[in-house]
PDB file of N, CA and C in Angstrom:
ATOM      1  N   MET A   1     -70.391   3.263 -33.513  1.00  0.00           N
ATOM      2  CA  MET A   1     -69.679   2.910 -34.634  1.00  0.00           C
ATOM      3  C   MET A   1     -69.538   1.687 -35.179  1.00  0.00           C
ATOM      4  N   SER A   2     -70.380   1.556 -36.053  1.00  0.00           N
ATOM      5  CA  SER A   2     -70.389  -0.361 -36.723  1.00  0.00           C
ATOM      6  C   SER A   2     -68.989  -0.410 -37.692  1.00  0.00           C
ATOM      7  N   ALA A   3     -68.209  -1.745 -37.356  1.00  0.00           N
ATOM      8  CA  ALA A   3     -67.662  -2.453 -38.254  1.00  0.00           C
ATOM      9  C   ALA A   3     -68.392  -2.421 -39.798  1.00  0.00           C
ATOM     10  N   SER A   4     -67.779  -2.228 -40.916  1.00  0.00           N
ATOM     11  CA  SER A   4     -68.113  -2.473 -42.191  1.00  0.00           C
ATOM     12  C   SER A   4     -66.808  -3.429 -43.097  1.00  0.00           C
ATOM     13  N   ALA A   5     -67.138  -4.222 -43.975  1.00  0.00           N
ATOM     14  CA  ALA A   5     -66.612  -5.081 -44.359  1.00  0.00           C
ATOM     15  C   ALA A   5     -66.024  -4.247 -45.380  1.00  0.00           C
ATOM     16  N   PRO A   6     -64.527  -4.862 -46.214  1.00  0.00           N
ATOM     17  CA  PRO A   6     -63.495  -4.219 -46.197  1.00  0.00           C
ATOM     18  C   PRO A   6     -64.038  -3.854 -48.069  1.00  0.00           C
ATOM     19  N   SER A   7     -63.875  -2.795 -48.613  1.00  0.00           N
ATOM     20  CA  SER A   7     -64.229  -2.580 -50.249  1.00  0.00           C
ATOM     21  C   SER A   7     -63.436  -3.682 -50.932  1.00  0.00           C
ATOM     22  N   PRO A   8     -64.735  -3.939 -52.099  1.00  0.00           N
ATOM     23  CA  PRO A   8     -63.601  -4.576 -53.208  1.00  0.00           C
ATOM     24  C   PRO A   8     -62.083  -4.574 -53.440  1.00  0.00           C
ATOM     25  N   ARG A   9     -61.629  -3.127 -53.416  1.00  0.00           N
ATOM     26  CA  ARG A   9     -60.526  -2.848 -53.705  1.00  0.00           C
ATOM     27  C   ARG A   9     -59.562  -2.682 -52.606  1.00  0.00           C
ATOM     28  N   ALA A  10     -59.841  -2.684 -51.536  1.00  0.00           N
ATOM     29  CA  ALA A  10     -58.691  -2.560 -50.079  1.00  0.00           C
ATOM     30  C   ALA A  10     -59.301  -4.641 -50.362  1.00  0.00           C
ATOM     31  N   ALA A  11     -59.748  -5.375 -50.905  1.00  0.00           N
ATOM     32  CA  ALA A  11     -59.738  -6.744 -50.454  1.00  0.00           C
ATOM     33  C   ALA A  11     -58.457  -7.330 -51.625  1.00  0.00           C
ATOM     34  N   ARG A  12     -58.311  -6.571 -52.567  1.00  0.00           N
ATOM     35  CA  ARG A  12     -57.705  -7.088 -53.648  1.00  0.00           C
ATOM     36  C   ARG A  12     -56.273  -6.657 -53.340  1.00  0.00           C
ATOM     37  N   ARG A  13     -56.220  -5.403 -52.036  1.00  0.00           N
ATOM     38  CA  ARG A  13     -54.720  -5.115 -52.276  1.00  0.00           C
ATOM     39  C   ARG A  13     -54.682  -5.510 -51.077  1.00  0.00           C
ATOM     40  N   ALA A  14     -55.171  -7.073 -50.253  1.00  0.00           N
ATOM     41  CA  ALA A  14     -54.802  -7.740 -49.435  1.00  0.00           C
ATOM     42  C   ALA A  14     -53.061  -8.342 -49.295  1.00  0.00           C
ATOM     43  N   ILE A  15     -53.288  -9.152 -50.894  1.00  0.00           N
ATOM     44  CA  ILE A  15     -52.073  -9.902 -51.603  1.00  0.00           C
ATOM     45  C   ILE A  15     -50.605  -8.827 -51.501  1.00  0.00           C
ATOM     46  N   ALA A  16     -50.193  -8.516 -50.880  1.00  0.00           N
ATOM     47  CA  ALA A  16     -49.083  -7.457 -51.765  1.00  0.00           C
ATOM     48  C   ALA A  16     -48.372  -8.080 -52.848  1.00  0.00           C
ATOM     49  N   SER A  17     -47.733  -6.650 -53.478  1.00  0.00           N
ATOM     50  CA  SER A  17     -47.458  -7.651 -55.067  1.00  0.00           C
ATOM     51  C   SER A  17     -45.727  -8.005 -54.547  1.00  0.00           C
ATOM     52  N   PRO A  18     -45.224  -9.228 -55.154  1.00  0.00           N
ATOM     53  CA  PRO A  18     -44.022  -9.552 -54.771  1.00  0.00           C
ATOM     54  C   PRO A  18     -42.899  -8.465 -55.725  1.00  0.00           C
ATOM     55  N   CYS A  19     -43.015  -7.279 -56.237  1.00  0.00           N
ATOM     56  CA  CYS A  19     -42.202  -6.383 -56.320  1.00  0.00           C
ATOM     57  C   CYS A  19     -41.200  -6.168 -55.060  1.00  0.00           C
ATOM     58  N   ILE A  20     -40.051  -6.202 -55.916  1.00  0.00           N
ATOM     59  CA  ILE A  20     -38.699  -5.805 -55.355  1.00  0.00           C
ATOM     60  C   ILE A  20     -37.838  -4.231 -55.860  1.00  0.00           C
ATOM     61  N   SER A  21     -38.916  -3.870 -56.665  1.00  0.00           N
ATOM     62  CA  SER A  21     -37.975  -2.603 -57.646  1.00  0.00           C
ATOM     63  C   SER A  21     -36.346  -2.922 -58.228  1.00  0.00           C
ATOM     64  N   VAL A  22     -36.685  -4.406 -58.857  1.00  0.00           N
ATOM     65  CA  VAL A  22     -35.590  -4.983 -59.878  1.00  0.00           C
ATOM     66  C   VAL A  22     -36.438  -4.994 -61.366  1.00  0.00           C
ATOM     67  N   CYS A  23     -36.793  -4.104 -61.729  1.00  0.00           N
ATOM     68  CA  CYS A  23     -37.584  -4.430 -62.808  1.00  0.00           C
ATOM     69  C   CYS A  23     -36.864  -4.360 -64.373  1.00  0.00           C
ATOM     70  N   ARG A  24     -36.628  -5.815 -64.660  1.00  0.00           N
ATOM     71  CA  ARG A  24     -36.099  -6.102 -65.830  1.00  0.00           C
ATOM     72  C   ARG A  24     -36.563  -7.122 -66.146  1.00  0.00           C
ATOM     73  N   LEU A  25     -37.051  -7.405 -67.474  1.00  0.00           N
ATOM     74  CA  LEU A  25     -37.461  -8.935 -67.922  1.00  0.00           C
ATOM     75  C   LEU A  25     -36.226  -9.640 -68.607  1.00  0.00           C
ATOM     76  N   ASP A  26     -36.153 -10.602 -68.171  1.00  0.00           N
ATOM     77  CA  ASP A  26     -35.043 -12.065 -68.667  1.00  0.00           C
ATOM     78  C   ASP A  26     -35.537 -12.562 -70.135  1.00  0.00           C
ATOM     79  N   PRO A  27     -34.976 -12.174 -71.241  1.00  0.00           N
ATOM     80  CA  PRO A  27     -35.900 -12.429 -72.190  1.00  0.00           C
ATOM     81  C   PRO A  27     -35.781 -13.998 -72.608  1.00  0.00           C
ATOM     82  N   ALA A  28     -34.980 -14.668 -71.806  1.00  0.00           N
ATOM     83  CA  ALA A  28     -34.930 -16.135 -72.076  1.00  0.00           C
ATOM     84  C   ALA A  28     -36.194 -16.772 -71.554  1.00  0.00           C
ATOM     85  N   THR A  29     -36.866 -15.997 -70.379  1.00  0.00           N
ATOM     86  CA  THR A  29     -37.828 -17.161 -69.852  1.00  0.00           C
ATOM     87  C   THR A  29     -39.203 -15.752 -69.726  1.00  0.00           C
ATOM     88  N   GLY A  30     -38.994 -14.680 -70.267  1.00  0.00           N
ATOM     89  CA  GLY A  30     -40.403 -13.323 -69.783  1.00  0.00           C
ATOM     90  C   GLY A  30     -40.212 -13.204 -68.760  1.00  0.00           C
ATOM     91  N   TRP A  31     -39.728 -13.112 -67.682  1.00  0.00           N
ATOM     92  CA  TRP A  31     -40.174 -13.323 -66.383  1.00  0.00           C
ATOM     93  C   TRP A  31     -39.299 -11.872 -65.956  1.00  0.00           C
ATOM     94  N   CYS A  32     -39.565 -11.274 -64.737  1.00  0.00           N
ATOM     95  CA  CYS A  32     -38.758 -10.129 -64.199  1.00  0.00           C
ATOM     96  C   CYS A  32     -37.858 -10.890 -63.798  1.00  0.00           C
ATOM     97  N   VAL A  33     -36.619 -10.226 -63.595  1.00  0.00           N
ATOM     98  CA  VAL A  33     -35.802 -10.587 -63.006  1.00  0.00           C
ATOM     99  C   VAL A  33     -35.838 -10.433 -61.255  1.00  0.00           C
ATOM    100  N   GLY A  34     -36.580  -9.433 -61.053  1.00  0.00           N
ATOM    101  CA  GLY A  34     -36.733  -9.217 -59.575  1.00  0.00           C
ATOM    102  C   GLY A  34     -38.053 -10.156 -59.072  1.00  0.00           C
ATOM    103  N   CYS A  35     -38.967 -10.099 -59.396  1.00  0.00           N
ATOM    104  CA  CYS A  35     -40.225 -10.779 -59.226  1.00  0.00           C
ATOM    105  C   CYS A  35     -40.501 -11.639 -59.388  1.00  0.00           C
ATOM    106  N   LEU A  36     -39.660 -11.996 -60.883  1.00  0.00           N
ATOM    107  CA  LEU A  36     -40.321 -13.331 -61.554  1.00  0.00           C
ATOM    108  C   LEU A  36     -41.788 -13.796 -62.138  1.00  0.00           C
ATOM    109  N   ARG A  37     -42.403 -12.179 -62.195  1.00  0.00           N
ATOM    110  CA  ARG A  37     -43.683 -12.516 -62.676  1.00  0.00           C
ATOM    111  C   ARG A  37     -43.602 -11.656 -64.440  1.00  0.00           C
ATOM    112  N   SER A  38     -44.749 -12.384 -64.955  1.00  0.00           N
ATOM    113  CA  SER A  38     -44.397 -12.627 -66.652  1.00  0.00           C
ATOM    114  C   SER A  38     -45.364 -10.613 -66.670  1.00  0.00           C
ATOM    115  N   ILE A  39     -45.000 -10.202 -67.666  1.00  0.00           N
ATOM    116  CA  ILE A  39     -45.471  -8.856 -67.763  1.00  0.00           C
ATOM    117  C   ILE A  39     -47.015  -9.109 -67.725  1.00  0.00           C
ATOM    118  N   ASP A  40     -47.612  -9.932 -68.748  1.00  0.00           N
ATOM    119  CA  ASP A  40     -48.585  -9.811 -68.154  1.00  0.00           C
ATOM    120  C   ASP A  40     -49.232  -9.530 -66.684  1.00  0.00           C
ATOM    121  N   GLU A  41     -48.740 -10.497 -65.910  1.00  0.00           N
ATOM    122  CA  GLU A  41     -48.812 -10.725 -64.626  1.00  0.00           C
ATOM    123  C   GLU A  41     -48.712  -9.689 -63.672  1.00  0.00           C
ATOM    124  N   ILE A  42     -47.817  -8.679 -64.423  1.00  0.00           N
ATOM    125  CA  ILE A  42     -47.324  -7.514 -63.846  1.00  0.00           C
ATOM    126  C   ILE A  42     -48.414  -6.402 -63.734  1.00  0.00           C
ATOM    127  N   ALA A  43     -48.504  -6.442 -65.212  1.00  0.00           N
ATOM    128  CA  ALA A  43     -49.675  -5.341 -65.775  1.00  0.00           C
ATOM    129  C   ALA A  43     -50.756  -5.774 -64.850  1.00  0.00           C
ATOM    130  N   GLY A  44     -51.377  -6.763 -64.700  1.00  0.00           N
ATOM    131  CA  GLY A  44     -52.876  -7.099 -64.239  1.00  0.00           C
ATOM    132  C   GLY A  44     -52.759  -7.126 -62.745  1.00  0.00           C
ATOM    133  N   TRP A  45     -51.785  -7.030 -61.983  1.00  0.00           N
ATOM    134  CA  TRP A  45     -51.807  -7.314 -60.664  1.00  0.00           C
ATOM    135  C   TRP A  45     -52.995  -6.529 -60.270  1.00  0.00           C
ATOM    136  N   GLY A  46     -52.603  -5.364 -60.069  1.00  0.00           N
ATOM    137  CA  GLY A  46     -53.836  -4.509 -59.732  1.00  0.00           C
ATOM    138  C   GLY A  46     -55.300  -4.738 -59.798  1.00  0.00           C
ATOM    139  N   SER A  47     -55.479  -5.358 -61.099  1.00  0.00           N
ATOM    140  CA  SER A  47     -57.170  -5.830 -61.098  1.00  0.00           C
ATOM    141  C   SER A  47     -57.176  -7.548 -60.805  1.00  0.00           C
ATOM    142  N   MET A  48     -55.988  -8.106 -60.516  1.00  0.00           N
ATOM    143  CA  MET A  48     -56.476  -9.285 -60.553  1.00  0.00           C
ATOM    144  C   MET A  48     -57.139  -9.862 -58.941  1.00  0.00           C
ATOM    145  N   GLY A  49     -57.752 -10.647 -59.121  1.00  0.00           N
ATOM    146  CA  GLY A  49     -58.586 -11.385 -57.694  1.00  0.00           C
ATOM    147  C   GLY A  49     -57.306 -11.960 -57.030  1.00  0.00           C
ATOM    148  N   GLU A  50     -57.842 -11.998 -55.856  1.00  0.00           N
ATOM    149  CA  GLU A  50     -57.210 -12.853 -54.880  1.00  0.00           C
ATOM    150  C   GLU A  50     -56.830 -14.551 -55.038  1.00  0.00           C
ATOM    151  N   ALA A  51     -57.635 -14.672 -55.606  1.00  0.00           N
ATOM    152  CA  ALA A  51     -57.135 -16.378 -55.638  1.00  0.00           C
ATOM    153  C   ALA A  51     -55.956 -16.489 -57.103  1.00  0.00           C
ATOM    154  N   ARG A  52     -56.016 -15.469 -58.456  1.00  0.00           N
ATOM    155  CA  ARG A  52     -54.999 -15.497 -58.997  1.00  0.00           C
ATOM    156  C   ARG A  52     -54.274 -15.208 -58.388  1.00  0.00           C
ATOM    157  N   ARG A  53     -54.079 -14.125 -57.462  1.00  0.00           N
ATOM    158  CA  ARG A  53     -53.010 -13.627 -57.094  1.00  0.00           C
ATOM    159  C   ARG A  53     -51.896 -14.591 -56.323  1.00  0.00           C
ATOM    160  N   GLU A  54     -52.944 -15.412 -55.461  1.00  0.00           N
ATOM    161  CA  GLU A  54     -52.093 -16.469 -55.034  1.00  0.00           C
ATOM    162  C   GLU A  54     -51.803 -17.523 -55.485  1.00  0.00           C
ATOM    163  N   GLN A  55     -52.454 -17.578 -56.835  1.00  0.00           N
ATOM    164  CA  GLN A  55     -51.797 -18.862 -57.510  1.00  0.00           C
ATOM    165  C   GLN A  55     -50.465 -18.286 -58.542  1.00  0.00           C
ATOM    166  N   VAL A  56     -50.303 -16.658 -59.147  1.00  0.00           N
ATOM    167  CA  VAL A  56     -49.194 -16.534 -59.319  1.00  0.00           C
ATOM    168  C   VAL A  56     -47.672 -16.332 -58.473  1.00  0.00           C
ATOM    169  N   LEU A  57     -48.530 -16.253 -57.062  1.00  0.00           N
ATOM    170  CA  LEU A  57     -47.279 -16.240 -55.965  1.00  0.00           C
ATOM    171  C   LEU A  57     -46.741 -17.653 -55.542  1.00  0.00           C
ATOM    172  N   ALA A  58     -47.546 -18.814 -55.909  1.00  0.00           N
ATOM    173  CA  ALA A  58     -47.223 -19.988 -55.606  1.00  0.00           C
ATOM    174  C   ALA A  58     -46.192 -20.366 -56.443  1.00  0.00           C
ATOM    175  N   GLU A  59     -46.242 -20.010 -57.585  1.00  0.00           N
ATOM    176  CA  GLU A  59     -45.712 -20.290 -59.073  1.00  0.00           C
ATOM    177  C   GLU A  59     -44.072 -19.549 -58.781  1.00  0.00           C
ATOM    178  N   LEU A  60     -44.115 -18.750 -58.006  1.00  0.00           N
ATOM    179  CA  LEU A  60     -42.653 -18.372 -57.792  1.00  0.00           C
ATOM    180  C   LEU A  60     -41.774 -18.966 -57.182  1.00  0.00           C
ATOM    181  N   PRO A  61     -41.698 -20.047 -56.644  1.00  0.00           N
ATOM    182  CA  PRO A  61     -40.994 -20.479 -56.070  1.00  0.00           C
ATOM    183  C   PRO A  61     -39.993 -21.176 -57.282  1.00  0.00           C
ATOM    184  N   ALA A  62     -40.810 -22.193 -58.139  1.00  0.00           N
ATOM    185  CA  ALA A  62     -40.855 -23.345 -59.191  1.00  0.00           C
ATOM    186  C   ALA A  62     -40.062 -22.281 -60.174  1.00  0.00           C
ATOM    187  N   ARG A  63     -40.321 -21.097 -60.416  1.00  0.00           N
ATOM    188  CA  ARG A  63     -39.728 -20.253 -61.585  1.00  0.00           C
ATOM    189  C   ARG A  63     -38.369 -19.984 -60.827  1.00  0.00           C
ATOM    190  N   ARG A  64     -38.285 -19.760 -59.684  1.00  0.00           N
ATOM    191  CA  ARG A  64     -36.662 -19.399 -59.348  1.00  0.00           C
ATOM    192  C   ARG A  64     -35.956 -20.551 -59.385  1.00  0.00           C
ATOM    193  N   VAL A  65     -36.600 -21.550 -59.063  1.00  0.00           N
ATOM    194  CA  VAL A  65     -35.678 -23.077 -59.501  1.00  0.00           C
ATOM    195  C   VAL A  65     -35.343 -22.914 -60.872  1.00  0.00           C
ATOM    196  N   ALA A  66     -36.345 -22.910 -61.527  1.00  0.00           N
ATOM    197  CA  ALA A  66     -36.087 -22.563 -62.950  1.00  0.00           C
ATOM    198  C   ALA A  66     -35.090 -21.840 -64.131  1.00  0.00           C
ATOM    199  N   GLY A  67     -35.409 -20.767 -63.273  1.00  0.00           N
ATOM    200  CA  GLY A  67     -34.295 -19.816 -63.645  1.00  0.00           C
ATOM    201  C   GLY A  67     -32.845 -20.204 -63.049  1.00  0.00           C
ATOM    202  N   ALA A  68     -32.707 -20.984 -62.360  1.00  0.00           N
ATOM    203  CA  ALA A  68     -31.698 -20.917 -61.239  1.00  0.00           C
ATOM    204  C   ALA A  68     -30.630 -22.011 -62.238  1.00  0.00           C
ATOM    205  N   THR A  69     -31.501 -22.954 -62.785  1.00  0.00           N
ATOM    206  CA  THR A  69     -30.951 -24.374 -63.573  1.00  0.00           C
ATOM    207  C   THR A  69     -31.007 -23.461 -64.934  1.00  0.00           C
ATOM    208  N   GLY A  70     -31.536 -22.374 -65.432  1.00  0.00           N
ATOM    209  CA  GLY A  70     -31.187 -22.327 -67.158  1.00  0.00           C
ATOM    210  C   GLY A  70     -32.440 -22.498 -67.852  1.00  0.00           C
ATOM    211  N   SER A  71     -33.497 -23.470 -67.133  1.00  0.00           N
ATOM    212  CA  SER A  71     -34.533 -24.073 -68.054  1.00  0.00           C
ATOM    213  C   SER A  71     -35.575 -23.105 -67.773  1.00  0.00           C
ATOM    214  N   SER A  72     -36.658 -22.939 -68.572  1.00  0.00           N
ATOM    215  CA  SER A  72     -37.972 -22.405 -68.749  1.00  0.00           C
ATOM    216  C   SER A  72     -39.177 -22.571 -68.692  1.00  0.00           C
TER     217      SER A  72
END
């Protein structure tokens, strides 16, 4: 049996969603209070490329700090 490359769909799933099932948008920031993503980021996650997913994940720590300090 030969090894095959992962399908594009499997590759997109390699970076898991940061969703923690606390799904409510903060009206002040527009971010989900659970995962800190915008509604567009949440809706597009399934079709988002790996580089964009990595970018979104990299932005989350700064969003957490901004949300904690009340700035958006």
